[in-house]
Amino acid sequence: MTTPVVIAASARHTATLIFFHGLGDTGQGWASSMGAVISPHMKVICPTAPTMRVTLNAGFRMPSWFDLKTLEATGPEDEEGIQKAAEMVHGMIEKEVQAGIPTKRIVLGGFSQGGALALYSALTYPEPLAGVIALSAWLPLHKKFPASAVGNKDTPVLLCHGDCDPIVPYKWGQMTASLIKKFMTQVEFKTYREMMHSSCDEEMCDIKAFLEKVLKP
């Protein structure tokens, strides 16, 4: 993994947002957007995924957190790759803890494949986090839940999805929300009208409000 893009806190650093990009993107792709929604006491880390062959894209090499074999809800998944990526995320959380930021002051977030990774990593992490933000995403290996959820069932989750998404269908967002609401206690699902596989100002305002709520100074 290359060196992540880091936006330092502009006041005393007491909270961290770790945000994961989507398939084929880099940490740079989301850094300025996230930098615009954080409060002065928050630091943002935007890592870049390792480059690997992606089955879905005819085996072309690109930044990807794990292999995507298909975009069918019932299709095969790269279980080993997903678990390995989650271990990498857990390692990033541990680094923040060693630097003096407790897990309860750390939010995991991401877009598309990165949001899927954030959600899976939070649920397979035993210590309590401050929150999870999953934009235009889904829960990987969903058939393994709630059995695989070892922690963070009471952690606030913000799921955001455009109702015109041609890549990760809106119904995936709805299905993910209804699945995790069965075993998680604080799930908010927000819909953005006519938004495709992207972001919008309204969504950014909702992310900012969520961060301010779960990471109060």
N, C-alpha and C. Protein backbone atom coordinates (compact mmCIF):
# COMPACT_ATOMS: atom_id res chain seq x y z
N MET A 1 0.84 -1.19 0.00
CA MET A 1 0.00 0.00 0.00
C MET A 1 0.88 1.25 0.00
N THR A 2 0.55 2.23 -0.82
CA THR A 2 1.34 3.46 -0.85
C THR A 2 1.03 4.32 0.37
N THR A 3 1.82 5.35 0.58
CA THR A 3 1.61 6.23 1.74
C THR A 3 0.25 6.90 1.64
N PRO A 4 -0.56 6.83 2.71
CA PRO A 4 -1.89 7.43 2.63
C PRO A 4 -1.82 8.96 2.59
N VAL A 5 -2.85 9.58 2.04
CA VAL A 5 -2.97 11.04 2.11
C VAL A 5 -3.51 11.35 3.50
N VAL A 6 -2.84 12.23 4.22
CA VAL A 6 -3.27 12.59 5.58
C VAL A 6 -3.55 14.08 5.65
N ILE A 7 -4.72 14.42 6.17
CA ILE A 7 -5.03 15.83 6.45
C ILE A 7 -4.99 15.97 7.96
N ALA A 8 -4.03 16.72 8.43
CA ALA A 8 -3.83 16.85 9.88
C ALA A 8 -4.94 17.68 10.51
N ALA A 9 -5.20 17.43 11.78
CA ALA A 9 -6.16 18.26 12.53
C ALA A 9 -5.59 19.67 12.64
N SER A 10 -6.46 20.67 12.56
CA SER A 10 -5.96 22.05 12.66
C SER A 10 -6.00 22.56 14.09
N ALA A 11 -6.67 21.80 14.98
CA ALA A 11 -6.62 22.10 16.42
C ALA A 11 -6.03 20.85 17.09
N ARG A 12 -6.15 20.73 18.41
CA ARG A 12 -5.60 19.55 19.09
C ARG A 12 -6.31 18.30 18.57
N HIS A 13 -5.52 17.33 18.10
CA HIS A 13 -6.05 16.13 17.45
C HIS A 13 -6.64 15.17 18.48
N THR A 14 -7.99 15.00 18.45
CA THR A 14 -8.62 14.08 19.41
C THR A 14 -9.50 13.04 18.72
N ALA A 15 -9.58 13.08 17.38
CA ALA A 15 -10.43 12.12 16.67
C ALA A 15 -9.90 11.91 15.25
N THR A 16 -10.18 10.73 14.69
CA THR A 16 -9.67 10.40 13.35
C THR A 16 -10.75 9.78 12.48
N LEU A 17 -10.78 10.19 11.22
CA LEU A 17 -11.62 9.56 10.20
C LEU A 17 -10.70 8.84 9.23
N ILE A 18 -10.91 7.53 9.05
CA ILE A 18 -10.15 6.77 8.04
C ILE A 18 -11.14 6.49 6.91
N PHE A 19 -10.82 7.00 5.71
CA PHE A 19 -11.78 6.92 4.60
C PHE A 19 -11.17 6.17 3.40
N PHE A 20 -11.92 5.18 2.90
CA PHE A 20 -11.44 4.31 1.83
C PHE A 20 -12.14 4.61 0.50
N HIS A 21 -11.34 4.80 -0.54
CA HIS A 21 -11.87 5.14 -1.87
C HIS A 21 -12.51 3.93 -2.56
N GLY A 22 -13.14 4.19 -3.70
CA GLY A 22 -13.76 3.12 -4.50
C GLY A 22 -12.78 2.51 -5.48
N LEU A 23 -13.23 1.49 -6.19
CA LEU A 23 -12.41 0.74 -7.15
C LEU A 23 -11.78 1.67 -8.19
N GLY A 24 -10.45 1.50 -8.38
CA GLY A 24 -9.75 2.25 -9.43
C GLY A 24 -9.38 3.67 -9.06
N ASP A 25 -9.73 4.11 -7.86
CA ASP A 25 -9.44 5.48 -7.43
C ASP A 25 -8.17 5.48 -6.57
N THR A 26 -7.85 6.61 -5.95
CA THR A 26 -6.72 6.70 -5.00
C THR A 26 -7.17 7.48 -3.79
N GLY A 27 -6.33 7.49 -2.77
CA GLY A 27 -6.64 8.25 -1.56
C GLY A 27 -6.84 9.73 -1.86
N GLN A 28 -6.08 10.20 -2.85
CA GLN A 28 -6.17 11.61 -3.25
C GLN A 28 -7.58 11.98 -3.71
N GLY A 29 -8.27 10.99 -4.31
CA GLY A 29 -9.59 11.23 -4.89
C GLY A 29 -10.64 11.76 -3.92
N TRP A 30 -10.53 11.37 -2.65
CA TRP A 30 -11.52 11.79 -1.66
C TRP A 30 -10.98 12.74 -0.60
N ALA A 31 -9.66 12.95 -0.60
CA ALA A 31 -9.04 13.72 0.49
C ALA A 31 -9.63 15.13 0.64
N SER A 32 -9.76 15.87 -0.47
CA SER A 32 -10.24 17.25 -0.33
C SER A 32 -11.71 17.29 0.10
N SER A 33 -12.53 16.34 -0.41
CA SER A 33 -13.94 16.29 0.00
C SER A 33 -14.06 16.03 1.49
N MET A 34 -13.26 15.10 1.99
CA MET A 34 -13.31 14.77 3.42
C MET A 34 -12.71 15.91 4.27
N GLY A 35 -11.67 16.52 3.73
CA GLY A 35 -11.05 17.65 4.44
C GLY A 35 -12.04 18.79 4.63
N ALA A 36 -13.02 18.88 3.71
CA ALA A 36 -13.99 19.97 3.78
C ALA A 36 -15.11 19.71 4.80
N VAL A 37 -15.28 18.47 5.26
CA VAL A 37 -16.39 18.17 6.17
C VAL A 37 -15.95 17.88 7.61
N ILE A 38 -14.65 17.87 7.85
CA ILE A 38 -14.19 17.56 9.22
C ILE A 38 -14.13 18.82 10.08
N SER A 39 -14.20 18.61 11.39
CA SER A 39 -14.01 19.69 12.36
C SER A 39 -12.52 19.81 12.68
N PRO A 40 -12.09 20.96 13.27
CA PRO A 40 -10.66 21.19 13.49
C PRO A 40 -9.93 20.12 14.32
N HIS A 41 -10.68 19.41 15.21
CA HIS A 41 -10.00 18.41 16.07
C HIS A 41 -9.86 17.05 15.40
N MET A 42 -10.33 16.94 14.16
CA MET A 42 -10.28 15.63 13.46
C MET A 42 -9.15 15.57 12.44
N LYS A 43 -8.55 14.39 12.36
CA LYS A 43 -7.57 14.10 11.31
C LYS A 43 -8.23 13.15 10.32
N VAL A 44 -7.87 13.29 9.04
CA VAL A 44 -8.38 12.35 8.02
C VAL A 44 -7.23 11.56 7.43
N ILE A 45 -7.41 10.25 7.30
CA ILE A 45 -6.44 9.40 6.62
C ILE A 45 -7.15 8.79 5.41
N CYS A 46 -6.61 9.03 4.22
CA CYS A 46 -7.19 8.46 2.99
C CYS A 46 -6.15 7.57 2.32
N PRO A 47 -6.14 6.27 2.67
CA PRO A 47 -5.16 5.37 2.06
C PRO A 47 -5.50 5.05 0.61
N THR A 48 -4.51 4.57 -0.14
CA THR A 48 -4.73 4.09 -1.51
C THR A 48 -4.60 2.57 -1.51
N ALA A 49 -5.54 1.92 -2.17
CA ALA A 49 -5.56 0.45 -2.20
C ALA A 49 -4.38 -0.08 -3.01
N PRO A 50 -3.95 -1.31 -2.70
CA PRO A 50 -2.91 -1.93 -3.53
C PRO A 50 -3.43 -2.18 -4.95
N THR A 51 -2.54 -2.20 -5.91
CA THR A 51 -2.94 -2.48 -7.30
C THR A 51 -3.01 -3.99 -7.51
N MET A 52 -4.12 -4.45 -8.05
CA MET A 52 -4.29 -5.89 -8.27
C MET A 52 -5.17 -6.13 -9.50
N ARG A 53 -5.16 -7.37 -9.98
CA ARG A 53 -6.04 -7.73 -11.09
C ARG A 53 -7.47 -7.82 -10.57
N VAL A 54 -8.41 -7.23 -11.30
CA VAL A 54 -9.82 -7.24 -10.88
C VAL A 54 -10.64 -8.03 -11.90
N THR A 55 -11.17 -9.17 -11.46
CA THR A 55 -11.92 -10.07 -12.33
C THR A 55 -13.04 -9.34 -13.07
N LEU A 56 -13.77 -8.50 -12.33
CA LEU A 56 -14.90 -7.77 -12.91
C LEU A 56 -14.49 -6.91 -14.10
N ASN A 57 -13.27 -6.38 -14.06
CA ASN A 57 -12.78 -5.54 -15.14
C ASN A 57 -11.81 -6.30 -16.05
N ALA A 58 -12.19 -7.51 -16.41
CA ALA A 58 -11.45 -8.35 -17.35
C ALA A 58 -10.00 -8.59 -16.93
N GLY A 59 -9.77 -8.60 -15.61
CA GLY A 59 -8.43 -8.89 -15.10
C GLY A 59 -7.45 -7.74 -15.19
N PHE A 60 -7.92 -6.54 -15.55
CA PHE A 60 -7.02 -5.38 -15.58
C PHE A 60 -6.56 -5.04 -14.17
N ARG A 61 -5.33 -4.55 -14.07
CA ARG A 61 -4.78 -4.17 -12.77
C ARG A 61 -5.19 -2.73 -12.42
N MET A 62 -5.63 -2.55 -11.19
CA MET A 62 -6.03 -1.21 -10.73
C MET A 62 -6.08 -1.21 -9.21
N PRO A 63 -6.10 -0.01 -8.59
CA PRO A 63 -6.22 0.02 -7.13
C PRO A 63 -7.55 -0.61 -6.70
N SER A 64 -7.45 -1.62 -5.84
CA SER A 64 -8.65 -2.34 -5.38
C SER A 64 -8.36 -2.93 -4.00
N TRP A 65 -9.33 -2.82 -3.09
CA TRP A 65 -9.12 -3.34 -1.73
C TRP A 65 -9.18 -4.87 -1.71
N PHE A 66 -9.97 -5.43 -2.63
CA PHE A 66 -10.05 -6.90 -2.79
C PHE A 66 -10.60 -7.15 -4.18
N ASP A 67 -10.53 -8.39 -4.64
CA ASP A 67 -11.01 -8.67 -5.99
C ASP A 67 -12.54 -8.61 -6.03
N LEU A 68 -13.07 -8.02 -7.09
CA LEU A 68 -14.51 -8.03 -7.32
C LEU A 68 -14.76 -9.00 -8.47
N LYS A 69 -15.46 -10.07 -8.17
CA LYS A 69 -15.67 -11.11 -9.18
C LYS A 69 -16.91 -10.82 -10.04
N THR A 70 -17.92 -10.20 -9.44
CA THR A 70 -19.18 -9.94 -10.15
C THR A 70 -19.93 -8.83 -9.42
N LEU A 71 -20.91 -8.25 -10.06
CA LEU A 71 -21.78 -7.29 -9.36
C LEU A 71 -23.17 -7.89 -9.18
N GLU A 72 -23.22 -9.21 -9.07
CA GLU A 72 -24.49 -9.88 -8.76
C GLU A 72 -24.56 -10.09 -7.26
N ALA A 73 -25.71 -9.79 -6.68
CA ALA A 73 -25.86 -9.90 -5.21
C ALA A 73 -25.59 -11.31 -4.70
N THR A 74 -25.84 -12.31 -5.55
CA THR A 74 -25.66 -13.70 -5.10
C THR A 74 -24.39 -14.32 -5.66
N GLY A 75 -23.58 -13.52 -6.36
CA GLY A 75 -22.37 -14.04 -7.01
C GLY A 75 -21.25 -14.36 -6.05
N PRO A 76 -20.18 -15.01 -6.54
CA PRO A 76 -19.04 -15.37 -5.69
C PRO A 76 -18.28 -14.13 -5.23
N GLU A 77 -17.68 -14.22 -4.03
CA GLU A 77 -16.91 -13.10 -3.49
C GLU A 77 -15.50 -13.55 -3.12
N ASP A 78 -14.59 -12.58 -3.07
CA ASP A 78 -13.19 -12.83 -2.73
C ASP A 78 -13.03 -12.82 -1.22
N GLU A 79 -13.48 -13.93 -0.60
CA GLU A 79 -13.50 -13.97 0.87
C GLU A 79 -12.13 -13.73 1.49
N GLU A 80 -11.13 -14.40 0.96
CA GLU A 80 -9.77 -14.26 1.50
C GLU A 80 -9.28 -12.81 1.37
N GLY A 81 -9.53 -12.21 0.20
CA GLY A 81 -9.11 -10.83 -0.04
C GLY A 81 -9.82 -9.84 0.86
N ILE A 82 -11.12 -10.07 1.10
CA ILE A 82 -11.92 -9.18 1.96
C ILE A 82 -11.38 -9.25 3.39
N GLN A 83 -11.11 -10.47 3.86
CA GLN A 83 -10.60 -10.63 5.23
C GLN A 83 -9.21 -10.01 5.39
N LYS A 84 -8.39 -10.16 4.37
CA LYS A 84 -7.04 -9.59 4.40
C LYS A 84 -7.10 -8.06 4.44
N ALA A 85 -8.02 -7.50 3.63
CA ALA A 85 -8.19 -6.04 3.60
C ALA A 85 -8.69 -5.54 4.96
N ALA A 86 -9.60 -6.29 5.58
CA ALA A 86 -10.11 -5.89 6.90
C ALA A 86 -9.00 -5.92 7.95
N GLU A 87 -8.11 -6.90 7.84
CA GLU A 87 -6.97 -6.95 8.78
C GLU A 87 -6.09 -5.72 8.62
N MET A 88 -5.92 -5.28 7.37
CA MET A 88 -5.14 -4.06 7.10
C MET A 88 -5.82 -2.85 7.77
N VAL A 89 -7.15 -2.79 7.68
CA VAL A 89 -7.91 -1.70 8.31
C VAL A 89 -7.75 -1.75 9.82
N HIS A 90 -7.85 -2.94 10.38
CA HIS A 90 -7.69 -3.10 11.83
C HIS A 90 -6.30 -2.63 12.27
N GLY A 91 -5.31 -2.90 11.43
CA GLY A 91 -3.94 -2.44 11.70
C GLY A 91 -3.85 -0.91 11.71
N MET A 92 -4.59 -0.26 10.80
CA MET A 92 -4.61 1.20 10.75
C MET A 92 -5.26 1.78 12.00
N ILE A 93 -6.31 1.12 12.48
CA ILE A 93 -6.97 1.56 13.72
C ILE A 93 -5.98 1.46 14.88
N GLU A 94 -5.27 0.32 14.93
CA GLU A 94 -4.30 0.10 16.02
C GLU A 94 -3.22 1.19 16.04
N LYS A 95 -2.79 1.61 14.84
CA LYS A 95 -1.78 2.68 14.76
C LYS A 95 -2.28 3.96 15.39
N GLU A 96 -3.54 4.28 15.14
CA GLU A 96 -4.14 5.48 15.73
C GLU A 96 -4.23 5.35 17.25
N VAL A 97 -4.59 4.14 17.70
CA VAL A 97 -4.68 3.89 19.15
C VAL A 97 -3.31 4.08 19.80
N GLN A 98 -2.27 3.56 19.14
CA GLN A 98 -0.90 3.72 19.66
C GLN A 98 -0.49 5.19 19.71
N ALA A 99 -1.08 5.99 18.80
CA ALA A 99 -0.77 7.42 18.77
C ALA A 99 -1.63 8.21 19.76
N GLY A 100 -2.46 7.49 20.54
CA GLY A 100 -3.21 8.16 21.60
C GLY A 100 -4.67 8.44 21.30
N ILE A 101 -5.19 7.94 20.17
CA ILE A 101 -6.60 8.16 19.84
C ILE A 101 -7.39 6.89 20.17
N PRO A 102 -8.29 6.93 21.16
CA PRO A 102 -9.04 5.71 21.49
C PRO A 102 -9.96 5.27 20.35
N THR A 103 -10.30 3.98 20.31
CA THR A 103 -11.14 3.48 19.22
C THR A 103 -12.48 4.22 19.15
N LYS A 104 -12.99 4.63 20.31
CA LYS A 104 -14.28 5.33 20.36
C LYS A 104 -14.22 6.73 19.76
N ARG A 105 -13.01 7.14 19.30
CA ARG A 105 -12.84 8.44 18.66
C ARG A 105 -12.40 8.26 17.20
N ILE A 106 -12.67 7.05 16.66
CA ILE A 106 -12.28 6.75 15.28
C ILE A 106 -13.52 6.37 14.47
N VAL A 107 -13.67 7.00 13.30
CA VAL A 107 -14.76 6.67 12.37
C VAL A 107 -14.14 6.03 11.13
N LEU A 108 -14.75 4.93 10.67
CA LEU A 108 -14.36 4.33 9.39
C LEU A 108 -15.38 4.76 8.35
N GLY A 109 -14.90 5.12 7.16
CA GLY A 109 -15.83 5.51 6.11
C GLY A 109 -15.29 5.09 4.76
N GLY A 110 -16.17 5.13 3.74
CA GLY A 110 -15.69 4.80 2.41
C GLY A 110 -16.79 4.92 1.38
N PHE A 111 -16.35 4.96 0.12
CA PHE A 111 -17.25 5.04 -1.02
C PHE A 111 -17.21 3.74 -1.82
N SER A 112 -18.38 3.20 -2.16
CA SER A 112 -18.49 2.02 -3.01
C SER A 112 -17.71 0.84 -2.40
N GLN A 113 -16.70 0.31 -3.09
CA GLN A 113 -15.92 -0.81 -2.52
C GLN A 113 -15.28 -0.40 -1.19
N GLY A 114 -14.88 0.86 -1.08
CA GLY A 114 -14.29 1.36 0.17
C GLY A 114 -15.30 1.41 1.30
N GLY A 115 -16.56 1.74 0.97
CA GLY A 115 -17.62 1.74 1.98
C GLY A 115 -17.95 0.33 2.43
N ALA A 116 -17.91 -0.59 1.46
CA ALA A 116 -18.12 -2.01 1.78
C ALA A 116 -17.04 -2.49 2.76
N LEU A 117 -15.80 -2.09 2.48
CA LEU A 117 -14.68 -2.47 3.36
C LEU A 117 -14.83 -1.84 4.75
N ALA A 118 -15.26 -0.59 4.81
CA ALA A 118 -15.43 0.09 6.11
C ALA A 118 -16.47 -0.64 6.96
N LEU A 119 -17.58 -1.00 6.33
CA LEU A 119 -18.67 -1.68 7.04
C LEU A 119 -18.23 -3.05 7.54
N TYR A 120 -17.60 -3.82 6.66
CA TYR A 120 -17.14 -5.17 7.03
C TYR A 120 -16.07 -5.09 8.12
N SER A 121 -15.15 -4.14 7.98
CA SER A 121 -14.04 -4.02 8.95
C SER A 121 -14.55 -3.63 10.34
N ALA A 122 -15.55 -2.76 10.37
CA ALA A 122 -16.12 -2.34 11.66
C ALA A 122 -16.78 -3.51 12.38
N LEU A 123 -17.55 -4.29 11.61
CA LEU A 123 -18.29 -5.40 12.21
C LEU A 123 -17.39 -6.56 12.64
N THR A 124 -16.20 -6.64 12.06
CA THR A 124 -15.28 -7.72 12.43
C THR A 124 -14.19 -7.22 13.37
N TYR A 125 -14.40 -6.01 13.91
CA TYR A 125 -13.43 -5.44 14.87
C TYR A 125 -14.05 -5.46 16.27
N PRO A 126 -13.33 -6.02 17.26
CA PRO A 126 -13.96 -6.22 18.57
C PRO A 126 -14.13 -4.96 19.43
N GLU A 127 -13.30 -3.94 19.19
CA GLU A 127 -13.38 -2.75 20.05
C GLU A 127 -14.40 -1.74 19.48
N PRO A 128 -15.05 -0.95 20.35
CA PRO A 128 -16.08 -0.03 19.87
C PRO A 128 -15.51 1.18 19.12
N LEU A 129 -16.04 1.44 17.93
CA LEU A 129 -15.66 2.61 17.14
C LEU A 129 -16.69 3.71 17.32
N ALA A 130 -16.37 4.92 16.83
CA ALA A 130 -17.30 6.05 16.98
C ALA A 130 -18.42 6.00 15.95
N GLY A 131 -18.13 5.46 14.76
CA GLY A 131 -19.15 5.44 13.72
C GLY A 131 -18.63 4.84 12.43
N VAL A 132 -19.56 4.58 11.51
CA VAL A 132 -19.22 4.05 10.18
C VAL A 132 -20.03 4.82 9.14
N ILE A 133 -19.34 5.21 8.05
CA ILE A 133 -20.01 5.90 6.94
C ILE A 133 -19.80 5.05 5.68
N ALA A 134 -20.89 4.61 5.07
CA ALA A 134 -20.78 3.80 3.85
C ALA A 134 -21.59 4.46 2.74
N LEU A 135 -20.88 4.99 1.74
CA LEU A 135 -21.52 5.71 0.64
C LEU A 135 -21.64 4.81 -0.59
N SER A 136 -22.84 4.68 -1.13
CA SER A 136 -23.07 3.88 -2.35
C SER A 136 -22.41 2.51 -2.24
N ALA A 137 -22.65 1.84 -1.11
CA ALA A 137 -21.90 0.62 -0.79
C ALA A 137 -22.81 -0.56 -0.48
N TRP A 138 -22.21 -1.61 0.07
CA TRP A 138 -22.93 -2.84 0.43
C TRP A 138 -22.14 -3.54 1.51
N LEU A 139 -22.72 -4.59 2.10
CA LEU A 139 -22.00 -5.38 3.10
C LEU A 139 -21.43 -6.63 2.43
N PRO A 140 -20.09 -6.73 2.33
CA PRO A 140 -19.49 -7.93 1.73
C PRO A 140 -19.77 -9.17 2.59
N LEU A 141 -19.79 -10.31 1.94
CA LEU A 141 -20.00 -11.60 2.62
C LEU A 141 -21.24 -11.53 3.52
N HIS A 142 -22.30 -10.89 3.02
CA HIS A 142 -23.48 -10.62 3.85
C HIS A 142 -24.14 -11.87 4.44
N LYS A 143 -23.95 -13.01 3.76
CA LYS A 143 -24.57 -14.25 4.26
C LYS A 143 -23.95 -14.69 5.59
N LYS A 144 -22.76 -14.17 5.89
CA LYS A 144 -22.08 -14.57 7.13
C LYS A 144 -22.53 -13.74 8.35
N PHE A 145 -23.43 -12.79 8.10
CA PHE A 145 -23.89 -11.93 9.20
C PHE A 145 -25.32 -12.28 9.58
N PRO A 146 -25.67 -12.11 10.88
CA PRO A 146 -24.90 -11.48 11.95
C PRO A 146 -23.85 -12.35 12.62
N ALA A 147 -23.71 -13.63 12.25
CA ALA A 147 -22.78 -14.52 12.94
C ALA A 147 -21.34 -13.97 12.99
N SER A 148 -20.89 -13.33 11.90
CA SER A 148 -19.50 -12.84 11.85
C SER A 148 -19.29 -11.51 12.57
N ALA A 149 -20.37 -10.89 13.03
CA ALA A 149 -20.24 -9.57 13.68
C ALA A 149 -19.73 -9.76 15.11
N VAL A 150 -18.44 -9.43 15.31
CA VAL A 150 -17.85 -9.62 16.64
C VAL A 150 -17.94 -8.35 17.49
N GLY A 151 -18.24 -7.23 16.86
CA GLY A 151 -18.32 -5.98 17.61
C GLY A 151 -19.04 -4.90 16.83
N ASN A 152 -19.18 -3.73 17.47
CA ASN A 152 -19.73 -2.53 16.86
C ASN A 152 -21.19 -2.63 16.42
N LYS A 153 -21.95 -3.50 17.09
CA LYS A 153 -23.38 -3.61 16.74
C LYS A 153 -24.17 -2.40 17.21
N ASP A 154 -23.62 -1.67 18.20
CA ASP A 154 -24.30 -0.47 18.72
C ASP A 154 -23.68 0.82 18.19
N THR A 155 -22.76 0.69 17.24
CA THR A 155 -22.08 1.86 16.67
C THR A 155 -22.98 2.53 15.64
N PRO A 156 -23.09 3.88 15.65
CA PRO A 156 -23.90 4.56 14.65
C PRO A 156 -23.36 4.35 13.23
N VAL A 157 -24.28 4.04 12.31
CA VAL A 157 -23.91 3.82 10.91
C VAL A 157 -24.72 4.77 10.02
N LEU A 158 -24.01 5.44 9.11
CA LEU A 158 -24.68 6.28 8.12
C LEU A 158 -24.50 5.63 6.75
N LEU A 159 -25.61 5.17 6.17
CA LEU A 159 -25.59 4.60 4.82
C LEU A 159 -26.20 5.63 3.87
N CYS A 160 -25.50 5.95 2.80
CA CYS A 160 -25.99 6.93 1.82
C CYS A 160 -26.00 6.28 0.44
N HIS A 161 -27.07 6.54 -0.34
CA HIS A 161 -27.15 5.91 -1.67
C HIS A 161 -27.98 6.77 -2.62
N GLY A 162 -27.54 6.88 -3.85
CA GLY A 162 -28.31 7.57 -4.87
C GLY A 162 -29.34 6.61 -5.47
N ASP A 163 -30.55 7.10 -5.74
CA ASP A 163 -31.57 6.18 -6.25
C ASP A 163 -31.47 5.93 -7.76
N CYS A 164 -30.43 6.52 -8.40
CA CYS A 164 -30.20 6.25 -9.84
C CYS A 164 -28.82 5.64 -10.07
N ASP A 165 -28.30 4.93 -9.07
CA ASP A 165 -26.95 4.37 -9.15
C ASP A 165 -26.91 3.20 -10.14
N PRO A 166 -26.15 3.34 -11.26
CA PRO A 166 -26.10 2.25 -12.24
C PRO A 166 -25.03 1.20 -11.93
N ILE A 167 -24.16 1.48 -10.97
CA ILE A 167 -23.03 0.57 -10.67
C ILE A 167 -23.35 -0.31 -9.47
N VAL A 168 -23.60 0.31 -8.32
CA VAL A 168 -24.04 -0.43 -7.13
C VAL A 168 -25.52 -0.08 -6.97
N PRO A 169 -26.41 -0.96 -7.44
CA PRO A 169 -27.83 -0.61 -7.50
C PRO A 169 -28.39 -0.12 -6.16
N TYR A 170 -29.32 0.82 -6.27
CA TYR A 170 -29.97 1.39 -5.08
C TYR A 170 -30.55 0.28 -4.20
N LYS A 171 -31.08 -0.77 -4.84
CA LYS A 171 -31.69 -1.86 -4.05
C LYS A 171 -30.65 -2.57 -3.18
N TRP A 172 -29.36 -2.55 -3.59
CA TRP A 172 -28.31 -3.12 -2.74
C TRP A 172 -28.20 -2.31 -1.45
N GLY A 173 -28.29 -1.00 -1.60
CA GLY A 173 -28.25 -0.12 -0.43
C GLY A 173 -29.42 -0.41 0.50
N GLN A 174 -30.59 -0.56 -0.10
CA GLN A 174 -31.80 -0.85 0.70
C GLN A 174 -31.69 -2.20 1.39
N MET A 175 -31.20 -3.21 0.65
CA MET A 175 -31.06 -4.56 1.21
C MET A 175 -30.02 -4.57 2.34
N THR A 176 -28.93 -3.83 2.13
CA THR A 176 -27.89 -3.74 3.16
C THR A 176 -28.45 -3.11 4.42
N ALA A 177 -29.19 -2.02 4.25
CA ALA A 177 -29.79 -1.33 5.40
C ALA A 177 -30.73 -2.26 6.15
N SER A 178 -31.62 -2.96 5.42
CA SER A 178 -32.57 -3.82 6.14
C SER A 178 -31.88 -5.01 6.79
N LEU A 179 -30.81 -5.51 6.18
CA LEU A 179 -30.07 -6.62 6.79
C LEU A 179 -29.39 -6.18 8.09
N ILE A 180 -28.65 -5.07 8.03
CA ILE A 180 -27.89 -4.71 9.24
C ILE A 180 -28.79 -4.14 10.34
N LYS A 181 -29.95 -3.63 9.96
CA LYS A 181 -30.89 -3.14 10.99
C LYS A 181 -31.39 -4.29 11.87
N LYS A 182 -31.27 -5.52 11.35
CA LYS A 182 -31.71 -6.68 12.14
C LYS A 182 -30.81 -6.93 13.34
N PHE A 183 -29.54 -6.51 13.23
CA PHE A 183 -28.62 -6.78 14.36
C PHE A 183 -27.82 -5.56 14.82
N MET A 184 -27.99 -4.43 14.13
CA MET A 184 -27.32 -3.19 14.57
C MET A 184 -28.39 -2.22 15.05
N THR A 185 -28.05 -1.43 16.06
CA THR A 185 -29.09 -0.63 16.74
C THR A 185 -29.22 0.81 16.23
N GLN A 186 -28.19 1.33 15.54
CA GLN A 186 -28.23 2.74 15.13
C GLN A 186 -27.89 2.90 13.66
N VAL A 187 -28.81 2.51 12.79
CA VAL A 187 -28.56 2.57 11.35
C VAL A 187 -29.44 3.64 10.71
N GLU A 188 -28.80 4.54 9.98
CA GLU A 188 -29.54 5.59 9.27
C GLU A 188 -29.28 5.38 7.77
N PHE A 189 -30.36 5.32 6.98
CA PHE A 189 -30.22 5.12 5.54
C PHE A 189 -30.76 6.35 4.83
N LYS A 190 -29.89 7.03 4.09
CA LYS A 190 -30.31 8.26 3.40
C LYS A 190 -30.28 8.07 1.89
N THR A 191 -31.34 8.54 1.24
CA THR A 191 -31.49 8.42 -0.21
C THR A 191 -31.30 9.79 -0.86
N TYR A 192 -30.60 9.82 -1.99
CA TYR A 192 -30.39 11.08 -2.73
C TYR A 192 -31.03 10.92 -4.10
N ARG A 193 -32.02 11.73 -4.35
CA ARG A 193 -32.80 11.61 -5.59
C ARG A 193 -31.96 11.97 -6.81
N GLU A 194 -32.07 11.10 -7.82
CA GLU A 194 -31.41 11.29 -9.11
C GLU A 194 -29.88 11.26 -9.04
N MET A 195 -29.32 10.87 -7.88
CA MET A 195 -27.86 10.76 -7.79
C MET A 195 -27.43 9.41 -8.34
N MET A 196 -26.37 9.43 -9.15
CA MET A 196 -25.84 8.20 -9.72
C MET A 196 -24.74 7.65 -8.80
N HIS A 197 -23.72 7.01 -9.36
CA HIS A 197 -22.65 6.44 -8.52
C HIS A 197 -21.64 7.54 -8.23
N SER A 198 -22.05 8.47 -7.39
CA SER A 198 -21.19 9.64 -7.12
C SER A 198 -21.60 10.23 -5.79
N SER A 199 -21.28 11.50 -5.59
CA SER A 199 -21.63 12.16 -4.35
C SER A 199 -22.33 13.48 -4.69
N CYS A 200 -22.88 14.15 -3.69
CA CYS A 200 -23.54 15.44 -3.93
C CYS A 200 -23.40 16.31 -2.68
N ASP A 201 -23.71 17.58 -2.81
CA ASP A 201 -23.57 18.52 -1.69
C ASP A 201 -24.42 18.12 -0.49
N GLU A 202 -25.64 17.67 -0.78
CA GLU A 202 -26.54 17.27 0.31
C GLU A 202 -25.93 16.12 1.12
N GLU A 203 -25.34 15.15 0.40
CA GLU A 203 -24.70 14.01 1.07
C GLU A 203 -23.53 14.49 1.93
N MET A 204 -22.73 15.41 1.37
CA MET A 204 -21.58 15.94 2.13
C MET A 204 -22.03 16.64 3.41
N CYS A 205 -23.16 17.36 3.34
CA CYS A 205 -23.70 18.03 4.53
C CYS A 205 -24.13 16.99 5.57
N ASP A 206 -24.72 15.88 5.09
CA ASP A 206 -25.15 14.81 6.01
C ASP A 206 -23.94 14.14 6.67
N ILE A 207 -22.85 13.97 5.91
CA ILE A 207 -21.63 13.37 6.47
C ILE A 207 -21.05 14.30 7.54
N LYS A 208 -21.00 15.58 7.23
CA LYS A 208 -20.48 16.58 8.18
C LYS A 208 -21.27 16.55 9.49
N ALA A 209 -22.61 16.52 9.38
CA ALA A 209 -23.48 16.49 10.56
C ALA A 209 -23.27 15.20 11.36
N PHE A 210 -23.10 14.08 10.65
CA PHE A 210 -22.88 12.79 11.32
C PHE A 210 -21.56 12.81 12.09
N LEU A 211 -20.50 13.32 11.44
CA LEU A 211 -19.19 13.39 12.11
C LEU A 211 -19.24 14.29 13.34
N GLU A 212 -19.93 15.41 13.22
CA GLU A 212 -20.03 16.32 14.37
C GLU A 212 -20.77 15.69 15.53
N LYS A 213 -21.75 14.82 15.19
CA LYS A 213 -22.54 14.16 16.22
C LYS A 213 -21.74 13.06 16.94
N VAL A 214 -21.03 12.23 16.16
CA VAL A 214 -20.35 11.06 16.78
C VAL A 214 -18.94 11.38 17.27
N LEU A 215 -18.37 12.50 16.81
CA LEU A 215 -17.01 12.88 17.24
C LEU A 215 -17.03 14.29 17.81
N LYS A 216 -17.88 14.51 18.80
CA LYS A 216 -17.94 15.84 19.42
C LYS A 216 -16.56 16.21 19.97
N PRO A 217 -16.21 17.51 19.95
CA PRO A 217 -14.87 17.92 20.45
C PRO A 217 -14.66 17.49 21.89
